[in-house]
Amino acid sequence: MPATVTLSSKFQICIPKAVCDEQHWEVGQEFVFIPKGKGVLLMPVPELEQLVGIAKGAGNDDHRDREDRY
């Protein structure tokens, strides 16, 4: 769904309602801008509850120790 917006004199943009509805974004939600080449990636900041279990099953057998560094 292509949509265009205009950057205001206060460097603000308004995200189209159709995009917010499709992504299930809500008023007051925090976002992060990640630079990507000549553009940016807009990502919602996850809530702490959404991160629970994200590293389940991750091992520490393939990590670098201080002794591996220069």
PDB file of N, CA and C in Angstrom:
ATOM      1  N   MET A   1       0.839  -1.172   0.000  1.00  0.00           N
ATOM      2  CA  MET A   1       0.000   0.000   0.000  1.00  0.00           C
ATOM      3  C   MET A   1       0.884   1.236   0.000  1.00  0.00           C
ATOM      4  N   PRO A   2       1.218   1.764  -1.137  1.00  0.00           N
ATOM      5  CA  PRO A   2       2.048   2.970  -1.183  1.00  0.00           C
ATOM      6  C   PRO A   2       1.285   4.193  -0.674  1.00  0.00           C
ATOM      7  N   ALA A   3       1.954   4.975   0.114  1.00  0.00           N
ATOM      8  CA  ALA A   3       1.376   6.202   0.642  1.00  0.00           C
ATOM      9  C   ALA A   3       2.487   7.237   0.730  1.00  0.00           C
ATOM     10  N   THR A   4       2.177   8.480   0.454  1.00  0.00           N
ATOM     11  CA  THR A   4       3.169   9.538   0.566  1.00  0.00           C
ATOM     12  C   THR A   4       2.719  10.529   1.625  1.00  0.00           C
ATOM     13  N   VAL A   5       3.700  11.121   2.288  1.00  0.00           N
ATOM     14  CA  VAL A   5       3.438  12.151   3.290  1.00  0.00           C
ATOM     15  C   VAL A   5       4.427  13.281   3.064  1.00  0.00           C
ATOM     16  N   THR A   6       4.175  14.420   3.669  1.00  0.00           N
ATOM     17  CA  THR A   6       5.043  15.582   3.538  1.00  0.00           C
ATOM     18  C   THR A   6       5.655  15.912   4.884  1.00  0.00           C
ATOM     19  N   LEU A   7       6.940  16.175   4.896  1.00  0.00           N
ATOM     20  CA  LEU A   7       7.649  16.575   6.111  1.00  0.00           C
ATOM     21  C   LEU A   7       7.288  18.021   6.432  1.00  0.00           C
ATOM     22  N   SER A   8       6.830  18.281   7.652  1.00  0.00           N
ATOM     23  CA  SER A   8       6.409  19.631   8.028  1.00  0.00           C
ATOM     24  C   SER A   8       7.617  20.501   8.356  1.00  0.00           C
ATOM     25  N   SER A   9       7.382  21.773   8.560  1.00  0.00           N
ATOM     26  CA  SER A   9       8.463  22.707   8.911  1.00  0.00           C
ATOM     27  C   SER A   9       9.041  22.399  10.291  1.00  0.00           C
ATOM     28  N   LYS A  10       8.313  21.609  11.087  1.00  0.00           N
ATOM     29  CA  LYS A  10       8.797  21.181  12.403  1.00  0.00           C
ATOM     30  C   LYS A  10       9.413  19.790  12.329  1.00  0.00           C
ATOM     31  N   PHE A  11       9.694  19.320  11.104  1.00  0.00           N
ATOM     32  CA  PHE A  11      10.287  18.002  10.855  1.00  0.00           C
ATOM     33  C   PHE A  11       9.399  16.875  11.374  1.00  0.00           C
ATOM     34  N   GLN A  12       8.097  17.008  11.190  1.00  0.00           N
ATOM     35  CA  GLN A  12       7.143  15.986  11.607  1.00  0.00           C
ATOM     36  C   GLN A  12       6.488  15.377  10.380  1.00  0.00           C
ATOM     37  N   ILE A  13       6.114  14.105  10.505  1.00  0.00           N
ATOM     38  CA  ILE A  13       5.327  13.451   9.470  1.00  0.00           C
ATOM     39  C   ILE A  13       4.110  12.819  10.138  1.00  0.00           C
ATOM     40  N   CYS A  14       3.074  12.642   9.379  1.00  0.00           N
ATOM     41  CA  CYS A  14       1.863  12.000   9.876  1.00  0.00           C
ATOM     42  C   CYS A  14       1.755  10.645   9.175  1.00  0.00           C
ATOM     43  N   ILE A  15       1.711   9.582   9.952  1.00  0.00           N
ATOM     44  CA  ILE A  15       1.609   8.242   9.385  1.00  0.00           C
ATOM     45  C   ILE A  15       0.157   8.010   8.989  1.00  0.00           C
ATOM     46  N   PRO A  16      -0.088   7.595   7.749  1.00  0.00           N
ATOM     47  CA  PRO A  16      -1.464   7.383   7.311  1.00  0.00           C
ATOM     48  C   PRO A  16      -2.194   6.354   8.181  1.00  0.00           C
ATOM     49  N   LYS A  17      -3.478   6.582   8.419  1.00  0.00           N
ATOM     50  CA  LYS A  17      -4.279   5.711   9.266  1.00  0.00           C
ATOM     51  C   LYS A  17      -4.293   4.281   8.738  1.00  0.00           C
ATOM     52  N   ALA A  18      -4.334   4.112   7.437  1.00  0.00           N
ATOM     53  CA  ALA A  18      -4.353   2.764   6.855  1.00  0.00           C
ATOM     54  C   ALA A  18      -3.100   1.985   7.242  1.00  0.00           C
ATOM     55  N   VAL A  19      -1.951   2.654   7.287  1.00  0.00           N
ATOM     56  CA  VAL A  19      -0.697   2.000   7.679  1.00  0.00           C
ATOM     57  C   VAL A  19      -0.754   1.629   9.157  1.00  0.00           C
ATOM     58  N   CYS A  20      -1.201   2.550   9.990  1.00  0.00           N
ATOM     59  CA  CYS A  20      -1.310   2.278  11.434  1.00  0.00           C
ATOM     60  C   CYS A  20      -2.262   1.118  11.707  1.00  0.00           C
ATOM     61  N   ASP A  21      -3.379   1.090  11.000  1.00  0.00           N
ATOM     62  CA  ASP A  21      -4.350   0.010  11.187  1.00  0.00           C
ATOM     63  C   ASP A  21      -3.763  -1.334  10.759  1.00  0.00           C
ATOM     64  N   GLU A  22      -3.089  -1.357   9.615  1.00  0.00           N
ATOM     65  CA  GLU A  22      -2.513  -2.605   9.113  1.00  0.00           C
ATOM     66  C   GLU A  22      -1.426  -3.140  10.036  1.00  0.00           C
ATOM     67  N   GLN A  23      -0.641  -2.236  10.637  1.00  0.00           N
ATOM     68  CA  GLN A  23       0.459  -2.632  11.515  1.00  0.00           C
ATOM     69  C   GLN A  23       0.029  -2.770  12.983  1.00  0.00           C
ATOM     70  N   HIS A  24      -1.206  -2.420  13.275  1.00  0.00           N
ATOM     71  CA  HIS A  24      -1.747  -2.476  14.647  1.00  0.00           C
ATOM     72  C   HIS A  24      -0.978  -1.540  15.589  1.00  0.00           C
ATOM     73  N   TRP A  25      -0.592  -0.367  15.062  1.00  0.00           N
ATOM     74  CA  TRP A  25       0.080   0.644  15.883  1.00  0.00           C
ATOM     75  C   TRP A  25      -0.972   1.442  16.633  1.00  0.00           C
ATOM     76  N   GLU A  26      -0.608   1.858  17.853  1.00  0.00           N
ATOM     77  CA  GLU A  26      -1.553   2.578  18.701  1.00  0.00           C
ATOM     78  C   GLU A  26      -0.999   3.947  19.095  1.00  0.00           C
ATOM     79  N   VAL A  27      -1.890   4.831  19.468  1.00  0.00           N
ATOM     80  CA  VAL A  27      -1.512   6.161  19.926  1.00  0.00           C
ATOM     81  C   VAL A  27      -0.624   6.031  21.156  1.00  0.00           C
ATOM     82  N   GLY A  28       0.464   6.762  21.203  1.00  0.00           N
ATOM     83  CA  GLY A  28       1.366   6.746  22.346  1.00  0.00           C
ATOM     84  C   GLY A  28       2.469   5.708  22.252  1.00  0.00           C
ATOM     85  N   GLN A  29       2.422   4.867  21.235  1.00  0.00           N
ATOM     86  CA  GLN A  29       3.442   3.837  21.059  1.00  0.00           C
ATOM     87  C   GLN A  29       4.769   4.480  20.665  1.00  0.00           C
ATOM     88  N   GLU A  30       5.881   3.945  21.176  1.00  0.00           N
ATOM     89  CA  GLU A  30       7.209   4.480  20.869  1.00  0.00           C
ATOM     90  C   GLU A  30       7.791   3.768  19.656  1.00  0.00           C
ATOM     91  N   PHE A  31       8.570   4.527  18.867  1.00  0.00           N
ATOM     92  CA  PHE A  31       9.203   3.993  17.672  1.00  0.00           C
ATOM     93  C   PHE A  31      10.678   4.376  17.642  1.00  0.00           C
ATOM     94  N   VAL A  32      11.441   3.614  16.889  1.00  0.00           N
ATOM     95  CA  VAL A  32      12.852   3.904  16.690  1.00  0.00           C
ATOM     96  C   VAL A  32      13.087   4.050  15.185  1.00  0.00           C
ATOM     97  N   PHE A  33      13.920   5.014  14.809  1.00  0.00           N
ATOM     98  CA  PHE A  33      14.305   5.216  13.418  1.00  0.00           C
ATOM     99  C   PHE A  33      15.690   4.619  13.220  1.00  0.00           C
ATOM    100  N   ILE A  34      15.811   3.672  12.295  1.00  0.00           N
ATOM    101  CA  ILE A  34      17.077   3.011  12.021  1.00  0.00           C
ATOM    102  C   ILE A  34      17.528   3.428  10.626  1.00  0.00           C
ATOM    103  N   PRO A  35      18.652   4.171  10.516  1.00  0.00           N
ATOM    104  CA  PRO A  35      19.135   4.599   9.201  1.00  0.00           C
ATOM    105  C   PRO A  35      19.484   3.394   8.322  1.00  0.00           C
ATOM    106  N   LYS A  36      19.024   3.412   7.074  1.00  0.00           N
ATOM    107  CA  LYS A  36      19.303   2.361   6.096  1.00  0.00           C
ATOM    108  C   LYS A  36      19.608   3.021   4.758  1.00  0.00           C
ATOM    109  N   GLY A  37      20.880   3.186   4.456  1.00  0.00           N
ATOM    110  CA  GLY A  37      21.255   3.820   3.190  1.00  0.00           C
ATOM    111  C   GLY A  37      20.722   5.239   3.115  1.00  0.00           C
ATOM    112  N   LYS A  38      19.895   5.505   2.097  1.00  0.00           N
ATOM    113  CA  LYS A  38      19.307   6.839   1.936  1.00  0.00           C
ATOM    114  C   LYS A  38      17.919   6.938   2.541  1.00  0.00           C
ATOM    115  N   GLY A  39      17.521   5.932   3.292  1.00  0.00           N
ATOM    116  CA  GLY A  39      16.206   5.927   3.925  1.00  0.00           C
ATOM    117  C   GLY A  39      16.311   5.550   5.387  1.00  0.00           C
ATOM    118  N   VAL A  40      15.170   5.305   5.994  1.00  0.00           N
ATOM    119  CA  VAL A  40      15.132   4.876   7.391  1.00  0.00           C
ATOM    120  C   VAL A  40      14.120   3.749   7.534  1.00  0.00           C
ATOM    121  N   LEU A  41      14.357   2.913   8.527  1.00  0.00           N
ATOM    122  CA  LEU A  41      13.437   1.851   8.887  1.00  0.00           C
ATOM    123  C   LEU A  41      12.750   2.293  10.170  1.00  0.00           C
ATOM    124  N   LEU A  42      11.445   2.303  10.173  1.00  0.00           N
ATOM    125  CA  LEU A  42      10.662   2.710  11.335  1.00  0.00           C
ATOM    126  C   LEU A  42      10.157   1.452  12.022  1.00  0.00           C
ATOM    127  N   MET A  43      10.575   1.246  13.269  1.00  0.00           N
ATOM    128  CA  MET A  43      10.201   0.041  14.011  1.00  0.00           C
ATOM    129  C   MET A  43       9.616   0.424  15.367  1.00  0.00           C
ATOM    130  N   PRO A  44       8.544  -0.245  15.777  1.00  0.00           N
ATOM    131  CA  PRO A  44       8.019   0.007  17.120  1.00  0.00           C
ATOM    132  C   PRO A  44       8.967  -0.566  18.173  1.00  0.00           C
ATOM    133  N   VAL A  45       9.132   0.145  19.264  1.00  0.00           N
ATOM    134  CA  VAL A  45       9.950  -0.332  20.384  1.00  0.00           C
ATOM    135  C   VAL A  45       9.125  -1.385  21.115  1.00  0.00           C
ATOM    136  N   PRO A  46       9.662  -2.606  21.263  1.00  0.00           N
ATOM    137  CA  PRO A  46       8.863  -3.654  21.902  1.00  0.00           C
ATOM    138  C   PRO A  46       8.685  -3.410  23.398  1.00  0.00           C
ATOM    139  N   GLU A  47       7.557  -3.892  23.916  1.00  0.00           N
ATOM    140  CA  GLU A  47       7.311  -3.860  25.354  1.00  0.00           C
ATOM    141  C   GLU A  47       8.122  -4.978  25.999  1.00  0.00           C
ATOM    142  N   LEU A  48       8.456  -4.836  27.274  1.00  0.00           N
ATOM    143  CA  LEU A  48       9.250  -5.830  27.982  1.00  0.00           C
ATOM    144  C   LEU A  48       8.609  -7.211  27.919  1.00  0.00           C
ATOM    145  N   GLU A  49       7.283  -7.260  28.007  1.00  0.00           N
ATOM    146  CA  GLU A  49       6.583  -8.541  27.969  1.00  0.00           C
ATOM    147  C   GLU A  49       6.778  -9.262  26.636  1.00  0.00           C
ATOM    148  N   GLN A  50       6.977  -8.508  25.559  1.00  0.00           N
ATOM    149  CA  GLN A  50       7.166  -9.103  24.240  1.00  0.00           C
ATOM    150  C   GLN A  50       8.546  -9.743  24.096  1.00  0.00           C
ATOM    151  N   LEU A  51       9.482  -9.400  24.968  1.00  0.00           N
ATOM    152  CA  LEU A  51      10.841  -9.910  24.876  1.00  0.00           C
ATOM    153  C   LEU A  51      11.070 -11.160  25.717  1.00  0.00           C
ATOM    154  N   VAL A  52      10.103 -11.519  26.555  1.00  0.00           N
ATOM    155  CA  VAL A  52      10.247 -12.690  27.414  1.00  0.00           C
ATOM    156  C   VAL A  52      10.370 -13.937  26.542  1.00  0.00           C
ATOM    157  N   GLY A  53      11.439 -14.699  26.775  1.00  0.00           N
ATOM    158  CA  GLY A  53      11.653 -15.945  26.058  1.00  0.00           C
ATOM    159  C   GLY A  53      12.298 -15.798  24.700  1.00  0.00           C
ATOM    160  N   ILE A  54      12.710 -14.589  24.322  1.00  0.00           N
ATOM    161  CA  ILE A  54      13.269 -14.369  22.992  1.00  0.00           C
ATOM    162  C   ILE A  54      14.584 -15.119  22.789  1.00  0.00           C
ATOM    163  N   ALA A  55      15.326 -15.384  23.859  1.00  0.00           N
ATOM    164  CA  ALA A  55      16.611 -16.071  23.744  1.00  0.00           C
ATOM    165  C   ALA A  55      16.537 -17.506  24.256  1.00  0.00           C
ATOM    166  N   LYS A  56      15.327 -18.041  24.344  1.00  0.00           N
ATOM    167  CA  LYS A  56      15.151 -19.396  24.843  1.00  0.00           C
ATOM    168  C   LYS A  56      15.914 -20.377  23.956  1.00  0.00           C
ATOM    169  N   GLY A  57      16.695 -21.227  24.583  1.00  0.00           N
ATOM    170  CA  GLY A  57      17.471 -22.216  23.849  1.00  0.00           C
ATOM    171  C   GLY A  57      18.811 -21.714  23.336  1.00  0.00           C
ATOM    172  N   ALA A  58      19.093 -20.435  23.542  1.00  0.00           N
ATOM    173  CA  ALA A  58      20.377 -19.895  23.089  1.00  0.00           C
ATOM    174  C   ALA A  58      21.487 -20.420  23.986  1.00  0.00           C
ATOM    175  N   GLY A  59      22.576 -20.810  23.379  1.00  0.00           N
ATOM    176  CA  GLY A  59      23.713 -21.319  24.136  1.00  0.00           C
ATOM    177  C   GLY A  59      24.825 -20.288  24.211  1.00  0.00           C
ATOM    178  N   ASN A  60      25.772 -20.521  25.087  1.00  0.00           N
ATOM    179  CA  ASN A  60      26.899 -19.599  25.209  1.00  0.00           C
ATOM    180  C   ASN A  60      28.201 -20.290  24.802  1.00  0.00           C
ATOM    181  N   ASP A  61      28.097 -21.384  24.055  1.00  0.00           N
ATOM    182  CA  ASP A  61      29.293 -22.118  23.676  1.00  0.00           C
ATOM    183  C   ASP A  61      30.005 -21.507  22.466  1.00  0.00           C
ATOM    184  N   ASP A  62      29.394 -20.567  21.776  1.00  0.00           N
ATOM    185  CA  ASP A  62      30.014 -19.977  20.592  1.00  0.00           C
ATOM    186  C   ASP A  62      30.167 -18.465  20.755  1.00  0.00           C
ATOM    187  N   HIS A  63      30.646 -18.051  21.918  1.00  0.00           N
ATOM    188  CA  HIS A  63      30.839 -16.627  22.153  1.00  0.00           C
ATOM    189  C   HIS A  63      32.326 -16.333  22.330  1.00  0.00           C
ATOM    190  N   ARG A  64      32.664 -15.076  22.123  1.00  0.00           N
ATOM    191  CA  ARG A  64      34.059 -14.654  22.290  1.00  0.00           C
ATOM    192  C   ARG A  64      34.296 -14.258  23.742  1.00  0.00           C
ATOM    193  N   ASP A  65      35.395 -14.708  24.270  1.00  0.00           N
ATOM    194  CA  ASP A  65      35.776 -14.363  25.621  1.00  0.00           C
ATOM    195  C   ASP A  65      36.809 -13.248  25.539  1.00  0.00           C
ATOM    196  N   ARG A  66      37.109 -12.644  26.658  1.00  0.00           N
ATOM    197  CA  ARG A  66      38.124 -11.581  26.681  1.00  0.00           C
ATOM    198  C   ARG A  66      39.487 -12.097  26.216  1.00  0.00           C
ATOM    199  N   GLU A  67      39.766 -13.356  26.424  1.00  0.00           N
ATOM    200  CA  GLU A  67      41.047 -13.922  26.031  1.00  0.00           C
ATOM    201  C   GLU A  67      41.158 -14.076  24.522  1.00  0.00           C
ATOM    202  N   ASP A  68      40.007 -14.030  23.806  1.00  0.00           N
ATOM    203  CA  ASP A  68      40.003 -14.141  22.346  1.00  0.00           C
ATOM    204  C   ASP A  68      40.301 -12.813  21.671  1.00  0.00           C
ATOM    205  N   ARG A  69      40.337 -11.755  22.426  1.00  0.00           N
ATOM    206  CA  ARG A  69      40.510 -10.422  21.833  1.00  0.00           C
ATOM    207  C   ARG A  69      41.988 -10.069  21.768  1.00  0.00           C
ATOM    208  N   TYR A  70      42.293  -9.033  21.055  1.00  0.00           N
ATOM    209  CA  TYR A  70      43.679  -8.588  20.850  1.00  0.00           C
ATOM    210  C   TYR A  70      44.319  -8.203  22.161  1.00  0.00           C
TER     211      TYR A  70
END
